[in-house]
């Protein structure tokens, strides 16, 4: 099994860089690796018409997020994480003194 590695993952905050939804941002809900697309919360809302059923006796027009190509998305930088190497060095230095 080959796993494709992308620059973003589920739960990351991203900004749309190009396309019709340029400038909008949100959290990634799902990554679709085979199609190289992502679902972003609140971006590219599409309407899906649902047929009458037991769940929807009168039918329904459901709104949900549509996929955007992963190349049109940029990761919004998070707060910088502290390096573990620096922490361990400072702890060792404190222990010596």
C-alpha atoms as a PDB file:
ATOM      1  CA  UNK A   1       0.000   0.000   0.000  1.00  0.00           C
ATOM      2  CA  UNK A   2       1.446   3.303  -1.091  1.00  0.00           C
ATOM      3  CA  UNK A   3       0.326   6.226   0.992  1.00  0.00           C
ATOM      4  CA  UNK A   4       0.355   9.612  -0.689  1.00  0.00           C
ATOM      5  CA  UNK A   5       1.756  12.376   1.523  1.00  0.00           C
ATOM      6  CA  UNK A   6       0.267  15.861   1.331  1.00  0.00           C
ATOM      7  CA  UNK A   7       1.173  19.234   2.825  1.00  0.00           C
ATOM      8  CA  UNK A   8      -2.090  19.361   4.806  1.00  0.00           C
ATOM      9  CA  UNK A   9      -4.059  16.911   6.930  1.00  0.00           C
ATOM     10  CA  UNK A  10      -7.443  16.610   8.594  1.00  0.00           C
ATOM     11  CA  UNK A  11      -7.988  19.256  11.276  1.00  0.00           C
ATOM     12  CA  UNK A  12      -5.517  21.816   9.854  1.00  0.00           C
ATOM     13  CA  UNK A  13      -6.596  25.424   9.328  1.00  0.00           C
ATOM     14  CA  UNK A  14      -6.132  26.349   5.680  1.00  0.00           C
ATOM     15  CA  UNK A  15      -6.739  29.227   3.277  1.00  0.00           C
ATOM     16  CA  UNK A  16      -7.903  28.858  -0.325  1.00  0.00           C
ATOM     17  CA  UNK A  17      -5.234  30.396  -2.570  1.00  0.00           C
ATOM     18  CA  UNK A  18      -6.839  30.187  -6.021  1.00  0.00           C
ATOM     19  CA  UNK A  19     -10.151  29.492  -7.704  1.00  0.00           C
ATOM     20  CA  UNK A  20     -13.663  30.804  -7.135  1.00  0.00           C
ATOM     21  CA  UNK A  21     -13.336  30.562  -3.345  1.00  0.00           C
ATOM     22  CA  UNK A  22     -10.003  32.451  -3.105  1.00  0.00           C
ATOM     23  CA  UNK A  23      -9.458  34.137   0.256  1.00  0.00           C
ATOM     24  CA  UNK A  24     -11.837  31.965   2.266  1.00  0.00           C
ATOM     25  CA  UNK A  25     -10.474  29.823   5.075  1.00  0.00           C
ATOM     26  CA  UNK A  26     -11.558  27.041   7.377  1.00  0.00           C
ATOM     27  CA  UNK A  27     -10.709  23.712   8.963  1.00  0.00           C
ATOM     28  CA  UNK A  28     -10.170  20.584   6.863  1.00  0.00           C
ATOM     29  CA  UNK A  29     -12.961  18.076   7.451  1.00  0.00           C
ATOM     30  CA  UNK A  30     -11.714  15.319   5.144  1.00  0.00           C
ATOM     31  CA  UNK A  31      -8.852  14.555   2.753  1.00  0.00           C
ATOM     32  CA  UNK A  32      -9.607  12.527  -0.377  1.00  0.00           C
ATOM     33  CA  UNK A  33      -6.155  11.219  -1.398  1.00  0.00           C
ATOM     34  CA  UNK A  34      -7.144   9.291  -4.540  1.00  0.00           C
ATOM     35  CA  UNK A  35      -8.740  12.373  -6.078  1.00  0.00           C
ATOM     36  CA  UNK A  36      -6.247  14.816  -4.450  1.00  0.00           C
ATOM     37  CA  UNK A  37      -9.048  16.897  -2.969  1.00  0.00           C
ATOM     38  CA  UNK A  38     -10.052  18.236   0.446  1.00  0.00           C
ATOM     39  CA  UNK A  39     -13.313  19.235   2.130  1.00  0.00           C
ATOM     40  CA  UNK A  40     -13.053  22.536   4.014  1.00  0.00           C
ATOM     41  CA  UNK A  41     -15.566  23.648   6.609  1.00  0.00           C
ATOM     42  CA  UNK A  42     -17.819  26.418   5.254  1.00  0.00           C
ATOM     43  CA  UNK A  43     -16.153  26.611   1.821  1.00  0.00           C
ATOM     44  CA  UNK A  44     -17.827  25.659  -1.491  1.00  0.00           C
ATOM     45  CA  UNK A  45     -21.259  24.918  -0.072  1.00  0.00           C
ATOM     46  CA  UNK A  46     -23.272  22.904  -2.609  1.00  0.00           C
ATOM     47  CA  UNK A  47     -26.949  21.971  -2.562  1.00  0.00           C
ATOM     48  CA  UNK A  48     -27.926  18.321  -2.950  1.00  0.00           C
ATOM     49  CA  UNK A  49     -31.533  17.429  -3.704  1.00  0.00           C
ATOM     50  CA  UNK A  50     -32.711  14.411  -1.708  1.00  0.00           C
ATOM     51  CA  UNK A  51     -35.564  12.185  -2.812  1.00  0.00           C
ATOM     52  CA  UNK A  52     -38.564  11.443  -0.604  1.00  0.00           C
ATOM     53  CA  UNK A  53     -37.840   8.683   1.916  1.00  0.00           C
ATOM     54  CA  UNK A  54     -38.677   7.606   5.445  1.00  0.00           C
ATOM     55  CA  UNK A  55     -36.065  10.001   6.784  1.00  0.00           C
ATOM     56  CA  UNK A  56     -37.300  12.880   4.591  1.00  0.00           C
ATOM     57  CA  UNK A  57     -41.014  12.333   3.909  1.00  0.00           C
ATOM     58  CA  UNK A  58     -41.336  15.521   1.852  1.00  0.00           C
ATOM     59  CA  UNK A  59     -37.866  15.469   0.291  1.00  0.00           C
ATOM     60  CA  UNK A  60     -35.111  17.916   1.155  1.00  0.00           C
ATOM     61  CA  UNK A  61     -32.449  20.201  -0.251  1.00  0.00           C
ATOM     62  CA  UNK A  62     -29.340  19.514   1.826  1.00  0.00           C
ATOM     63  CA  UNK A  63     -26.349  21.859   1.916  1.00  0.00           C
ATOM     64  CA  UNK A  64     -22.871  20.435   2.350  1.00  0.00           C
ATOM     65  CA  UNK A  65     -19.246  21.197   1.536  1.00  0.00           C
ATOM     66  CA  UNK A  66     -17.867  20.325  -1.888  1.00  0.00           C
ATOM     67  CA  UNK A  67     -14.299  19.193  -2.578  1.00  0.00           C
ATOM     68  CA  UNK A  68     -11.498  21.579  -3.604  1.00  0.00           C
ATOM     69  CA  UNK A  69      -8.239  20.484  -5.216  1.00  0.00           C
ATOM     70  CA  UNK A  70      -5.448  20.201  -2.663  1.00  0.00           C
ATOM     71  CA  UNK A  71      -3.078  22.391  -4.712  1.00  0.00           C
ATOM     72  CA  UNK A  72      -5.426  25.367  -4.266  1.00  0.00           C
ATOM     73  CA  UNK A  73      -5.043  25.256  -0.482  1.00  0.00           C
ATOM     74  CA  UNK A  74      -2.354  26.765   1.770  1.00  0.00           C
ATOM     75  CA  UNK A  75      -1.716  25.855   5.388  1.00  0.00           C
ATOM     76  CA  UNK A  76      -2.220  28.734   7.833  1.00  0.00           C
ATOM     77  CA  UNK A  77       0.754  28.772  10.170  1.00  0.00           C
ATOM     78  CA  UNK A  78       0.108  27.634  13.693  1.00  0.00           C
ATOM     79  CA  UNK A  79       1.880  29.023  16.748  1.00  0.00           C
ATOM     80  CA  UNK A  80       5.483  27.888  16.591  1.00  0.00           C
ATOM     81  CA  UNK A  81       6.102  24.689  18.465  1.00  0.00           C
ATOM     82  CA  UNK A  82       9.009  24.575  20.876  1.00  0.00           C
ATOM     83  CA  UNK A  83      11.853  22.331  19.825  1.00  0.00           C
ATOM     84  CA  UNK A  84      12.255  19.280  22.035  1.00  0.00           C
ATOM     85  CA  UNK A  85      16.006  19.356  21.522  1.00  0.00           C
ATOM     86  CA  UNK A  86      16.270  22.829  23.031  1.00  0.00           C
ATOM     87  CA  UNK A  87      14.137  21.828  26.013  1.00  0.00           C
ATOM     88  CA  UNK A  88      16.228  18.758  26.779  1.00  0.00           C
ATOM     89  CA  UNK A  89      19.453  20.746  26.529  1.00  0.00           C
ATOM     90  CA  UNK A  90      18.219  23.396  28.945  1.00  0.00           C
ATOM     91  CA  UNK A  91      17.055  20.742  31.399  1.00  0.00           C
ATOM     92  CA  UNK A  92      20.470  19.043  31.274  1.00  0.00           C
ATOM     93  CA  UNK A  93      22.240  22.371  31.763  1.00  0.00           C
ATOM     94  CA  UNK A  94      20.049  23.167  34.777  1.00  0.00           C
ATOM     95  CA  UNK A  95      20.754  19.769  36.283  1.00  0.00           C
ATOM     96  CA  UNK A  96      24.518  20.277  35.983  1.00  0.00           C
ATOM     97  CA  UNK A  97      24.524  23.623  37.791  1.00  0.00           C
END
